[in-house]
Amino acid sequence: MRLEKLMKVFGSLDQIAEGIKNNIFKKEHIEAVAKIRWQNCKICKHIDYVGTKCTAPGTRPCCAECGCSLAWKMRALSAECPIGRWKALMPEETEEKLLEKLENDSTEEVNK
């Protein structure tokens, strides 16, 4: 089962990277989404607070169903809950374009 989860991770590397980045560099709109998603996750029977089902050790709480770190997954706008508690807000390509635009806009503001 753990190998199966690891194989799924390779197909989700862009989402994982986006979630990690959004967890480090907090943005208000993404934190609002993460807060709403957390309300669903924290009452789910598949939440793993201990970390035994986490694909990446030390990233608890995670989803026992998919093994993803919730701190990362909740902040990837193109990610969705594996059992349908919350949906992706946009396709991965759109999320990348949006984040690129937001980064460019903030860089322009700093340079003014």
C-alpha atoms as a PDB file:
ATOM      1  CA  MET A   1       0.000   0.000   0.000  1.00  0.00           C
ATOM      2  CA  ARG A   2       2.805   2.457   0.839  1.00  0.00           C
ATOM      3  CA  LEU A   3       4.475   1.772  -2.531  1.00  0.00           C
ATOM      4  CA  GLU A   4       1.182   2.533  -4.285  1.00  0.00           C
ATOM      5  CA  LYS A   5       0.985   5.881  -2.457  1.00  0.00           C
ATOM      6  CA  LEU A   6       4.595   6.669  -3.353  1.00  0.00           C
ATOM      7  CA  MET A   7       3.856   6.022  -7.021  1.00  0.00           C
ATOM      8  CA  LYS A   8       0.928   8.481  -6.871  1.00  0.00           C
ATOM      9  CA  VAL A   9       3.275  11.081  -5.389  1.00  0.00           C
ATOM     10  CA  PHE A  10       5.374  11.098  -8.552  1.00  0.00           C
ATOM     11  CA  GLY A  11       2.293  12.105 -10.525  1.00  0.00           C
ATOM     12  CA  SER A  12       1.573  14.932  -8.079  1.00  0.00           C
ATOM     13  CA  LEU A  13       5.017  16.523  -7.722  1.00  0.00           C
ATOM     14  CA  ASP A  14       3.863  19.871  -9.122  1.00  0.00           C
ATOM     15  CA  GLN A  15       0.980  20.026  -6.636  1.00  0.00           C
ATOM     16  CA  ILE A  16       3.267  19.017  -3.771  1.00  0.00           C
ATOM     17  CA  ALA A  17       5.802  21.685  -4.713  1.00  0.00           C
ATOM     18  CA  GLU A  18       3.029  24.278  -4.977  1.00  0.00           C
ATOM     19  CA  GLY A  19       1.642  23.272  -1.590  1.00  0.00           C
ATOM     20  CA  ILE A  20       5.068  23.471   0.051  1.00  0.00           C
ATOM     21  CA  LYS A  21       5.745  26.862  -1.529  1.00  0.00           C
ATOM     22  CA  ASN A  22       2.334  28.189  -0.471  1.00  0.00           C
ATOM     23  CA  ASN A  23       2.897  26.875   3.051  1.00  0.00           C
ATOM     24  CA  ILE A  24       6.210  28.745   3.319  1.00  0.00           C
ATOM     25  CA  PHE A  25       5.235  31.945   1.503  1.00  0.00           C
ATOM     26  CA  LYS A  26       1.770  32.600   2.905  1.00  0.00           C
ATOM     27  CA  LYS A  27      -0.770  34.469   0.785  1.00  0.00           C
ATOM     28  CA  GLU A  28      -4.072  35.633   2.211  1.00  0.00           C
ATOM     29  CA  HIS A  29      -6.288  34.120  -0.504  1.00  0.00           C
ATOM     30  CA  ILE A  30      -4.588  30.722  -0.271  1.00  0.00           C
ATOM     31  CA  GLU A  31      -4.773  30.731   3.526  1.00  0.00           C
ATOM     32  CA  ALA A  32      -8.519  31.400   3.247  1.00  0.00           C
ATOM     33  CA  VAL A  33      -8.894  28.319   1.035  1.00  0.00           C
ATOM     34  CA  ALA A  34      -6.729  26.231   3.383  1.00  0.00           C
ATOM     35  CA  LYS A  35      -8.842  27.294   6.365  1.00  0.00           C
ATOM     36  CA  ILE A  36     -12.054  26.171   4.664  1.00  0.00           C
ATOM     37  CA  ARG A  37     -10.476  22.888   3.583  1.00  0.00           C
ATOM     38  CA  TRP A  38      -9.113  22.293   7.107  1.00  0.00           C
ATOM     39  CA  GLN A  39     -12.648  22.532   8.508  1.00  0.00           C
ATOM     40  CA  ASN A  40     -13.522  19.485   6.385  1.00  0.00           C
ATOM     41  CA  CYS A  41     -10.298  17.587   7.055  1.00  0.00           C
ATOM     42  CA  LYS A  42     -10.199  17.910  10.819  1.00  0.00           C
ATOM     43  CA  ILE A  43     -13.521  16.068  11.206  1.00  0.00           C
ATOM     44  CA  CYS A  44     -12.740  13.374   8.614  1.00  0.00           C
ATOM     45  CA  LYS A  45     -12.218   9.787   9.748  1.00  0.00           C
ATOM     46  CA  HIS A  46      -9.212   9.545   7.401  1.00  0.00           C
ATOM     47  CA  ILE A  47      -7.095  12.198   9.126  1.00  0.00           C
ATOM     48  CA  ASP A  48      -3.851  10.840  10.576  1.00  0.00           C
ATOM     49  CA  TYR A  49      -2.623  12.981  13.450  1.00  0.00           C
ATOM     50  CA  VAL A  50       0.061  10.443  14.420  1.00  0.00           C
ATOM     51  CA  GLY A  51       1.720  10.209  11.016  1.00  0.00           C
ATOM     52  CA  THR A  52       1.722   6.452  10.434  1.00  0.00           C
ATOM     53  CA  LYS A  53      -0.013   6.829   7.048  1.00  0.00           C
ATOM     54  CA  CYS A  54       1.975   9.859   5.825  1.00  0.00           C
ATOM     55  CA  THR A  55       3.919   9.259   2.607  1.00  0.00           C
ATOM     56  CA  ALA A  56       6.502  11.830   3.730  1.00  0.00           C
ATOM     57  CA  PRO A  57       7.520  11.037   7.325  1.00  0.00           C
ATOM     58  CA  GLY A  58       7.216  13.931   9.750  1.00  0.00           C
ATOM     59  CA  THR A  59       4.515  15.784   7.816  1.00  0.00           C
ATOM     60  CA  ARG A  60       1.533  15.060  10.035  1.00  0.00           C
ATOM     61  CA  PRO A  61      -1.302  15.611  10.084  1.00  0.00           C
ATOM     62  CA  CYS A  62      -1.843  13.880   6.796  1.00  0.00           C
ATOM     63  CA  CYS A  63      -4.611  12.140   4.905  1.00  0.00           C
ATOM     64  CA  ALA A  64      -4.592   8.406   5.643  1.00  0.00           C
ATOM     65  CA  GLU A  65      -6.405   7.847   2.338  1.00  0.00           C
ATOM     66  CA  CYS A  66      -3.740   9.359   0.059  1.00  0.00           C
ATOM     67  CA  GLY A  67      -0.800   9.915   2.439  1.00  0.00           C
ATOM     68  CA  CYS A  68      -0.483  13.625   1.621  1.00  0.00           C
ATOM     69  CA  SER A  69       0.579  16.231   4.146  1.00  0.00           C
ATOM     70  CA  LEU A  70      -2.507  18.330   4.806  1.00  0.00           C
ATOM     71  CA  ALA A  71      -0.434  21.477   5.355  1.00  0.00           C
ATOM     72  CA  TRP A  72       0.729  21.157   1.755  1.00  0.00           C
ATOM     73  CA  LYS A  73      -2.295  19.634   0.037  1.00  0.00           C
ATOM     74  CA  MET A  74      -4.779  22.159   1.421  1.00  0.00           C
ATOM     75  CA  ARG A  75      -2.675  24.969  -0.069  1.00  0.00           C
ATOM     76  CA  ALA A  76      -2.418  23.565  -3.599  1.00  0.00           C
ATOM     77  CA  LEU A  77      -5.368  25.118  -5.409  1.00  0.00           C
ATOM     78  CA  SER A  78      -5.299  22.380  -8.060  1.00  0.00           C
ATOM     79  CA  ALA A  79      -5.428  19.564  -5.469  1.00  0.00           C
ATOM     80  CA  GLU A  80      -8.601  17.832  -4.363  1.00  0.00           C
ATOM     81  CA  CYS A  81      -9.605  15.544  -1.526  1.00  0.00           C
ATOM     82  CA  PRO A  82      -9.316  11.869  -2.527  1.00  0.00           C
ATOM     83  CA  ILE A  83     -12.757  11.100  -1.050  1.00  0.00           C
ATOM     84  CA  GLY A  84     -14.462  14.240  -2.380  1.00  0.00           C
ATOM     85  CA  ARG A  85     -14.732  16.398   0.756  1.00  0.00           C
ATOM     86  CA  TRP A  86     -13.376  19.354  -1.271  1.00  0.00           C
ATOM     87  CA  LYS A  87     -12.598  19.895  -4.950  1.00  0.00           C
ATOM     88  CA  ALA A  88      -9.767  21.493  -6.872  1.00  0.00           C
ATOM     89  CA  LEU A  89     -10.485  25.161  -7.470  1.00  0.00           C
ATOM     90  CA  MET A  90      -8.695  25.249 -10.806  1.00  0.00           C
ATOM     91  CA  PRO A  91      -6.635  23.057 -13.116  1.00  0.00           C
ATOM     92  CA  GLU A  92      -2.931  22.884 -12.338  1.00  0.00           C
ATOM     93  CA  GLU A  93      -1.985  24.909 -15.432  1.00  0.00           C
ATOM     94  CA  THR A  94      -4.324  27.742 -14.417  1.00  0.00           C
ATOM     95  CA  GLU A  95      -2.938  27.728 -10.887  1.00  0.00           C
ATOM     96  CA  GLU A  96       0.610  28.044 -12.223  1.00  0.00           C
ATOM     97  CA  LYS A  97      -0.385  30.995 -14.434  1.00  0.00           C
ATOM     98  CA  LEU A  98      -2.213  32.704 -11.567  1.00  0.00           C
ATOM     99  CA  LEU A  99       0.707  32.336  -9.180  1.00  0.00           C
ATOM    100  CA  GLU A 100       3.146  33.555 -11.816  1.00  0.00           C
ATOM    101  CA  LYS A 101       0.962  36.622 -12.405  1.00  0.00           C
ATOM    102  CA  LEU A 102       0.698  37.315  -8.658  1.00  0.00           C
ATOM    103  CA  GLU A 103       4.471  37.012  -8.260  1.00  0.00           C
ATOM    104  CA  ASN A 104       5.106  39.341 -11.196  1.00  0.00           C
ATOM    105  CA  ASP A 105       2.628  41.899  -9.846  1.00  0.00           C
ATOM    106  CA  SER A 106       4.217  41.848  -6.379  1.00  0.00           C
ATOM    107  CA  THR A 107       7.714  42.197  -7.897  1.00  0.00           C
ATOM    108  CA  GLU A 108       6.547  45.199  -9.922  1.00  0.00           C
ATOM    109  CA  GLU A 109       5.124  46.785  -6.751  1.00  0.00           C
ATOM    110  CA  VAL A 110       8.444  46.368  -4.938  1.00  0.00           C
ATOM    111  CA  ASN A 111      10.367  47.887  -7.853  1.00  0.00           C
ATOM    112  CA  LYS A 112       8.189  51.020  -7.993  1.00  0.00           C
END
